[in-house]
Amino acid sequence: MANTLDIPVRLSISGPMRANAEVEVRLLLGHSMETGFRHDSSGAPVPKDILQFVTVHMGDVLIFEAELGTGMAANPMFFFSFTLPAQAGEMVVRWTDQQGRNGEMRRALLYR
């Protein structure tokens, strides 16, 4: 049985979608990022539940990576720029939480 973590992801790319063009990527991960320091209305502690690692690959090339901690707000958002490769391909976003669960989102990038 797979140990997956499905979360909503928004990925947008700004810039010309052509080979060797620089683009800006905006990535929003829908996750509560509970620190483990908070208590619910009954006074019980809310268990820690954070994303630890996020990576973005374009084909086989790593274009972004982040190691997150309890200081990251809920629904973390990332902005980064990179140069599109000569051949259009697939962008893959992967994440792992502190319990070892992971997930991914794939988006085919087409050039105009």
C-alpha atoms as a PDB file:
ATOM      1  CA  MET A   1       0.000   0.000   0.000  1.00  0.00           C
ATOM      2  CA  ALA A   2       1.406   3.368  -1.052  1.00  0.00           C
ATOM      3  CA  ASN A   3       1.988   5.997   1.605  1.00  0.00           C
ATOM      4  CA  THR A   4       0.754   9.021  -0.353  1.00  0.00           C
ATOM      5  CA  LEU A   5      -0.206  12.544   0.588  1.00  0.00           C
ATOM      6  CA  ASP A   6      -2.566  14.177  -1.889  1.00  0.00           C
ATOM      7  CA  ILE A   7      -2.779  17.946  -1.532  1.00  0.00           C
ATOM      8  CA  PRO A   8      -4.153  20.649  -3.828  1.00  0.00           C
ATOM      9  CA  VAL A   9      -1.442  22.279  -5.937  1.00  0.00           C
ATOM     10  CA  ARG A  10      -1.527  25.423  -8.069  1.00  0.00           C
ATOM     11  CA  LEU A  11       1.233  25.884 -10.592  1.00  0.00           C
ATOM     12  CA  SER A  12       1.441  28.864 -12.915  1.00  0.00           C
ATOM     13  CA  ILE A  13       4.181  29.907 -15.293  1.00  0.00           C
ATOM     14  CA  SER A  14       4.680  33.478 -16.511  1.00  0.00           C
ATOM     15  CA  GLY A  15       6.760  34.294 -19.531  1.00  0.00           C
ATOM     16  CA  PRO A  16       7.211  33.216 -23.127  1.00  0.00           C
ATOM     17  CA  MET A  17       6.749  29.466 -23.514  1.00  0.00           C
ATOM     18  CA  ARG A  18       9.578  28.809 -25.971  1.00  0.00           C
ATOM     19  CA  ALA A  19      12.961  27.134 -25.869  1.00  0.00           C
ATOM     20  CA  ASN A  20      15.666  28.931 -23.844  1.00  0.00           C
ATOM     21  CA  ALA A  21      13.254  31.579 -22.526  1.00  0.00           C
ATOM     22  CA  GLU A  22      13.367  32.587 -18.865  1.00  0.00           C
ATOM     23  CA  VAL A  23      10.061  32.086 -17.041  1.00  0.00           C
ATOM     24  CA  GLU A  24       8.787  32.654 -13.515  1.00  0.00           C
ATOM     25  CA  VAL A  25       7.093  29.765 -11.734  1.00  0.00           C
ATOM     26  CA  ARG A  26       4.552  30.257  -8.964  1.00  0.00           C
ATOM     27  CA  LEU A  27       3.823  27.196  -6.883  1.00  0.00           C
ATOM     28  CA  LEU A  28       1.147  27.026  -4.163  1.00  0.00           C
ATOM     29  CA  LEU A  29       0.815  23.892  -2.024  1.00  0.00           C
ATOM     30  CA  GLY A  30      -2.462  23.538  -0.113  1.00  0.00           C
ATOM     31  CA  HIS A  31      -1.278  22.219   3.245  1.00  0.00           C
ATOM     32  CA  SER A  32      -2.112  23.263   6.837  1.00  0.00           C
ATOM     33  CA  MET A  33       1.539  23.067   8.033  1.00  0.00           C
ATOM     34  CA  GLU A  34       0.594  22.375  11.667  1.00  0.00           C
ATOM     35  CA  THR A  35       3.584  23.089  13.922  1.00  0.00           C
ATOM     36  CA  GLY A  36       2.562  20.895  16.839  1.00  0.00           C
ATOM     37  CA  PHE A  37       2.640  23.941  19.150  1.00  0.00           C
ATOM     38  CA  ARG A  38      -1.053  24.832  18.814  1.00  0.00           C
ATOM     39  CA  HIS A  39      -3.988  23.517  20.872  1.00  0.00           C
ATOM     40  CA  ASP A  40      -7.578  23.036  19.731  1.00  0.00           C
ATOM     41  CA  SER A  41     -10.632  24.490  21.513  1.00  0.00           C
ATOM     42  CA  SER A  42     -10.685  21.594  24.014  1.00  0.00           C
ATOM     43  CA  GLY A  43      -7.047  22.225  24.973  1.00  0.00           C
ATOM     44  CA  ALA A  44      -5.708  19.123  23.255  1.00  0.00           C
ATOM     45  CA  PRO A  45      -2.506  19.630  21.263  1.00  0.00           C
ATOM     46  CA  VAL A  46      -2.873  19.614  17.476  1.00  0.00           C
ATOM     47  CA  PRO A  47      -0.367  17.065  16.158  1.00  0.00           C
ATOM     48  CA  LYS A  48       2.585  18.260  14.088  1.00  0.00           C
ATOM     49  CA  ASP A  49       1.920  17.877  10.358  1.00  0.00           C
ATOM     50  CA  ILE A  50       4.330  19.711   8.044  1.00  0.00           C
ATOM     51  CA  LEU A  51       5.771  19.278   4.589  1.00  0.00           C
ATOM     52  CA  GLN A  52       9.508  18.726   4.876  1.00  0.00           C
ATOM     53  CA  PHE A  53      10.781  18.629   1.303  1.00  0.00           C
ATOM     54  CA  VAL A  54       9.580  20.048  -2.008  1.00  0.00           C
ATOM     55  CA  THR A  55      11.342  19.495  -5.330  1.00  0.00           C
ATOM     56  CA  VAL A  56      10.569  20.549  -8.881  1.00  0.00           C
ATOM     57  CA  HIS A  57      12.123  18.780 -11.865  1.00  0.00           C
ATOM     58  CA  MET A  58      11.957  19.628 -15.552  1.00  0.00           C
ATOM     59  CA  GLY A  59      12.676  16.333 -17.228  1.00  0.00           C
ATOM     60  CA  ASP A  60      15.674  14.911 -15.352  1.00  0.00           C
ATOM     61  CA  VAL A  61      16.930  18.327 -14.216  1.00  0.00           C
ATOM     62  CA  LEU A  62      16.281  19.592 -10.685  1.00  0.00           C
ATOM     63  CA  ILE A  63      15.177  23.236 -11.001  1.00  0.00           C
ATOM     64  CA  PHE A  64      13.978  23.961  -7.455  1.00  0.00           C
ATOM     65  CA  GLU A  65      14.205  22.375  -4.020  1.00  0.00           C
ATOM     66  CA  ALA A  66      13.195  23.482  -0.540  1.00  0.00           C
ATOM     67  CA  GLU A  67      13.520  22.016   2.936  1.00  0.00           C
ATOM     68  CA  LEU A  68      10.673  23.324   5.076  1.00  0.00           C
ATOM     69  CA  GLY A  69      10.199  23.544   8.826  1.00  0.00           C
ATOM     70  CA  THR A  70       7.726  24.705  11.440  1.00  0.00           C
ATOM     71  CA  GLY A  71       8.365  28.367  10.578  1.00  0.00           C
ATOM     72  CA  MET A  72       6.613  27.998   7.202  1.00  0.00           C
ATOM     73  CA  ALA A  73       3.043  29.312   7.006  1.00  0.00           C
ATOM     74  CA  ALA A  74       0.056  27.246   5.962  1.00  0.00           C
ATOM     75  CA  ASN A  75      -0.405  26.879   2.197  1.00  0.00           C
ATOM     76  CA  PRO A  76       3.231  27.618   1.344  1.00  0.00           C
ATOM     77  CA  MET A  77       3.853  29.546  -1.858  1.00  0.00           C
ATOM     78  CA  PHE A  78       7.101  29.618  -3.800  1.00  0.00           C
ATOM     79  CA  PHE A  79       8.335  31.816  -6.643  1.00  0.00           C
ATOM     80  CA  PHE A  80      11.373  30.963  -8.733  1.00  0.00           C
ATOM     81  CA  SER A  81      12.748  31.591 -12.220  1.00  0.00           C
ATOM     82  CA  PHE A  82      14.462  29.217 -14.600  1.00  0.00           C
ATOM     83  CA  THR A  83      15.329  28.903 -18.261  1.00  0.00           C
ATOM     84  CA  LEU A  84      13.194  26.514 -20.287  1.00  0.00           C
ATOM     85  CA  PRO A  85      15.142  23.683 -21.935  1.00  0.00           C
ATOM     86  CA  ALA A  86      15.495  23.305 -25.702  1.00  0.00           C
ATOM     87  CA  GLN A  87      12.879  20.537 -25.776  1.00  0.00           C
ATOM     88  CA  ALA A  88       9.436  20.883 -24.206  1.00  0.00           C
ATOM     89  CA  GLY A  89       8.795  18.314 -21.517  1.00  0.00           C
ATOM     90  CA  GLU A  90       7.115  17.556 -18.236  1.00  0.00           C
ATOM     91  CA  MET A  91       7.458  19.503 -14.989  1.00  0.00           C
ATOM     92  CA  VAL A  92       7.139  17.335 -11.886  1.00  0.00           C
ATOM     93  CA  VAL A  93       6.498  18.713  -8.393  1.00  0.00           C
ATOM     94  CA  ARG A  94       7.162  16.281  -5.523  1.00  0.00           C
ATOM     95  CA  TRP A  95       6.657  16.705  -1.780  1.00  0.00           C
ATOM     96  CA  THR A  96       7.333  14.685   1.369  1.00  0.00           C
ATOM     97  CA  ASP A  97       5.960  15.283   4.867  1.00  0.00           C
ATOM     98  CA  GLN A  98       7.518  14.503   8.256  1.00  0.00           C
ATOM     99  CA  GLN A  99       5.659  11.167   8.402  1.00  0.00           C
ATOM    100  CA  GLY A 100       7.274   9.949   5.187  1.00  0.00           C
ATOM    101  CA  ARG A 101       4.145  10.365   3.064  1.00  0.00           C
ATOM    102  CA  ASN A 102       4.749  11.797  -0.373  1.00  0.00           C
ATOM    103  CA  GLY A 103       2.974  12.942  -3.479  1.00  0.00           C
ATOM    104  CA  GLU A 104       3.528  14.496  -6.858  1.00  0.00           C
ATOM    105  CA  MET A 105       1.895  16.605  -9.527  1.00  0.00           C
ATOM    106  CA  ARG A 106       2.866  16.486 -13.207  1.00  0.00           C
ATOM    107  CA  ARG A 107       2.330  19.166 -15.830  1.00  0.00           C
ATOM    108  CA  ALA A 108       3.260  18.870 -19.491  1.00  0.00           C
ATOM    109  CA  LEU A 109       4.793  22.080 -20.828  1.00  0.00           C
ATOM    110  CA  LEU A 110       4.095  22.834 -24.468  1.00  0.00           C
ATOM    111  CA  TYR A 111       6.000  25.457 -26.438  1.00  0.00           C
ATOM    112  CA  ARG A 112       4.332  27.812 -28.870  1.00  0.00           C
END
